Protein backbone atom coordinates (compact mmCIF):
# COMPACT_ATOMS: atom_id res chain seq x y z
CA MET A 1 21.90 32.62 14.53
CA SER A 2 19.24 34.14 12.26
CA ASN A 3 16.25 31.93 12.98
CA HIS A 4 14.25 34.77 14.47
CA LEU A 5 15.04 37.44 11.91
CA LEU A 6 12.22 38.76 9.75
CA PHE A 7 12.17 37.68 6.10
CA ASP A 8 9.15 38.52 3.94
CA PHE A 9 9.09 38.00 0.18
CA VAL A 10 5.95 39.11 -1.66
CA VAL A 11 5.41 39.02 -5.42
CA ASN A 12 2.68 41.31 -6.79
CA LYS A 13 2.17 40.49 -10.46
CA GLU A 14 -0.54 43.15 -10.96
CA GLU A 15 1.85 45.90 -9.85
CA LYS A 16 4.91 44.13 -11.31
CA THR A 17 6.81 44.32 -8.02
CA ILE A 18 8.69 42.13 -5.58
CA HIS A 19 8.69 43.39 -2.00
CA ILE A 20 11.31 41.99 0.37
CA LYS A 21 11.63 42.79 4.05
CA ARG A 22 14.63 41.44 5.92
CA GLU A 23 16.20 42.27 9.24
CA PHE A 24 19.80 41.81 10.30
CA ASN A 25 21.28 41.38 13.74
CA ALA A 26 23.85 44.18 13.46
CA ASN A 27 24.04 47.94 13.66
CA LEU A 28 23.15 50.19 10.76
CA GLU A 29 26.71 51.22 9.96
CA LEU A 30 27.84 47.60 9.49
CA VAL A 31 24.88 46.71 7.28
CA TRP A 32 25.38 49.89 5.24
CA GLN A 33 29.09 49.06 4.76
CA ALA A 34 28.26 45.51 3.68
CA TRP A 35 25.75 46.86 1.14
CA THR A 36 27.96 49.61 -0.29
CA THR A 37 31.57 48.33 -0.25
CA ALA A 38 32.74 46.16 -3.15
CA GLU A 39 35.08 44.01 -1.05
CA LEU A 40 32.23 43.21 1.34
CA LEU A 41 29.58 42.72 -1.37
CA ASP A 42 31.87 40.16 -3.02
CA GLN A 43 31.74 38.13 0.20
CA TRP A 44 27.94 37.78 0.45
CA TRP A 45 26.28 38.67 -2.87
CA GLY A 46 25.77 35.56 -4.99
CA PRO A 47 24.48 32.21 -3.76
CA LYS A 48 27.14 29.53 -3.34
CA PRO A 49 28.69 27.97 -5.30
CA TRP A 50 28.37 31.21 -7.28
CA LYS A 51 30.23 34.28 -6.07
CA ALA A 52 30.15 37.96 -6.95
CA GLN A 53 33.36 39.44 -8.32
CA THR A 54 33.46 43.20 -8.67
CA LYS A 55 35.14 44.64 -11.77
CA THR A 56 34.45 48.26 -10.82
CA MET A 57 32.32 50.14 -8.33
CA ASP A 58 31.64 53.87 -8.24
CA PHE A 59 29.25 54.28 -5.32
CA ARG A 60 27.69 57.68 -5.95
CA GLU A 61 24.59 58.97 -7.69
CA GLY A 62 25.26 58.50 -11.40
CA GLY A 63 27.91 55.85 -10.68
CA PHE A 64 27.55 52.10 -11.10
CA TRP A 65 28.66 48.71 -9.82
CA LEU A 66 29.82 46.26 -12.53
CA TYR A 67 30.29 42.71 -11.34
CA ALA A 68 30.27 39.13 -12.52
CA MET A 69 28.52 36.20 -10.94
CA VAL A 70 31.27 33.59 -11.16
CA GLY A 71 30.22 29.95 -11.25
CA PRO A 72 32.07 26.89 -9.97
CA GLN A 73 33.58 26.21 -13.42
CA GLY A 74 34.74 29.82 -13.77
CA GLU A 75 31.85 30.85 -16.01
CA LYS A 76 30.81 34.51 -15.67
CA HIS A 77 27.47 36.24 -15.99
CA TRP A 78 27.77 40.03 -15.85
CA SER A 79 25.44 42.47 -14.12
CA ARG A 80 25.35 46.19 -13.60
CA SER A 81 23.69 48.39 -10.98
CA ASP A 82 23.32 52.07 -11.90
CA TYR A 83 22.92 54.23 -8.80
CA ILE A 84 20.00 56.63 -9.16
CA SER A 85 19.82 58.05 -5.63
CA ILE A 86 21.73 57.53 -2.40
CA GLU A 87 20.90 58.86 1.03
CA HIS A 88 23.74 57.76 3.31
CA GLY A 89 22.55 55.24 5.89
CA LYS A 90 18.93 55.51 4.74
CA SER A 91 18.31 54.45 1.16
CA ILE A 92 19.78 53.39 -2.16
CA THR A 93 17.90 53.28 -5.45
CA HIS A 94 19.50 51.62 -8.45
CA LYS A 95 18.56 50.18 -11.81
CA ASP A 96 19.81 46.65 -12.42
CA SER A 97 20.43 44.89 -15.69
CA PHE A 98 22.36 42.00 -17.13
CA CYS A 99 25.21 43.13 -19.35
CA ASP A 100 28.48 42.16 -20.99
CA GLU A 101 31.89 42.45 -19.34
CA ASN A 102 32.14 46.07 -20.49
CA GLY A 103 28.87 47.00 -18.78
CA THR A 104 26.77 47.27 -21.93
CA SER A 105 23.26 46.26 -20.86
CA SER A 106 21.40 43.53 -22.70
CA PRO A 107 18.00 44.90 -23.76
CA SER A 108 16.56 41.38 -24.01
CA ALA A 109 17.36 40.43 -20.39
CA PRO A 110 15.23 41.40 -17.36
CA GLN A 111 15.75 44.87 -15.92
CA ASN A 112 14.35 46.37 -12.75
CA VAL A 113 14.67 49.20 -10.27
CA TRP A 114 15.57 48.46 -6.66
CA ARG A 115 14.71 50.79 -3.80
CA ASN A 116 16.45 49.70 -0.58
CA ASP A 117 15.41 51.47 2.63
CA PHE A 118 17.44 50.93 5.80
CA SER A 119 16.29 51.60 9.35
CA GLU A 120 17.49 50.57 12.79
CA LYS A 121 15.13 49.39 15.50
CA GLU A 122 15.71 47.50 18.73
CA ASN A 123 19.36 46.68 17.91
CA LYS A 124 18.45 45.27 14.49
CA VAL A 125 18.55 46.72 11.01
CA HIS A 126 15.48 46.42 8.80
CA VAL A 127 16.01 46.55 5.06
CA ASP A 128 12.88 47.14 2.99
CA ILE A 129 13.47 46.34 -0.68
CA LEU A 130 11.06 47.09 -3.49
CA LEU A 131 11.89 45.82 -6.97
CA SER A 132 9.82 47.38 -9.76
CA PHE A 133 9.62 46.00 -13.28
CA ASP A 134 8.39 47.58 -16.51
CA ALA A 135 7.27 44.20 -17.85
CA LEU A 136 5.62 41.30 -16.04
CA SER A 137 7.69 38.94 -18.19
CA ASP A 138 10.89 40.40 -16.66
CA LEU A 139 9.56 39.72 -13.15
CA GLU A 140 8.55 36.18 -14.09
CA THR A 141 11.92 35.51 -15.73
CA LEU A 142 13.78 36.63 -12.61
CA ILE A 143 11.60 34.44 -10.38
CA SER A 144 12.12 31.44 -12.68
CA MET A 145 15.89 31.96 -12.43
CA GLY A 146 15.68 31.22 -8.68
CA PHE A 147 15.70 34.81 -7.42
CA LYS A 148 13.95 34.08 -4.11
CA GLU A 149 16.22 31.15 -3.31
CA GLY A 150 19.27 33.19 -4.31
CA MET A 151 18.30 36.13 -2.12
CA THR A 152 17.62 33.79 0.80
CA THR A 153 21.13 32.37 0.49
CA ASP A 154 22.64 35.83 0.01
CA PHE A 155 21.00 37.13 3.18
CA ASN A 156 22.18 34.10 5.16
CA GLN A 157 25.71 34.76 3.90
CA LEU A 158 25.34 38.40 4.93
CA ASP A 159 24.25 37.28 8.42
CA ALA A 160 27.48 35.26 8.71
CA LEU A 161 29.62 38.14 7.40
CA LEU A 162 28.03 40.60 9.83
CA LEU A 163 28.92 38.28 12.70
CA THR A 164 32.59 38.44 11.70
CA MET A 165 32.39 42.23 11.28
CA ASN A 166 30.85 42.60 14.75
CA LYS A 167 33.92 41.12 16.45
């Protein structure tokens, strides 16, 4: 299914960034919907056996997505994405942080800014993601939490979801 889809994951500790390139075998509108609709995000965001569960999502500049990563025993770890800029079908920039169930960010947990750029080429969608960190320790903490493995699983789950959306 996705064996021939691009997936690059580059950590640059000097610049405190993680650069991810991934392509998806779907059209841009489907990938955009999967990335920006709570009901769809809950189906692919979060590596099994964990699953994302949206509490609230206000997809607009100045809005935010508040969700829990729900574990197999029902435990919840809350996260928040604050939307900084949105260009429909082209890019989303948001600041991510761990938080409590009310969306109050934890200053001691890693925070970062994601810039996601979407483009369509040869019947595939390319998503170029740049995560920027203020502190190298935040980047290293995220990596040690299994971020690369989690994103790999998330993207595979998105591949499967896009197949069902294509029908």
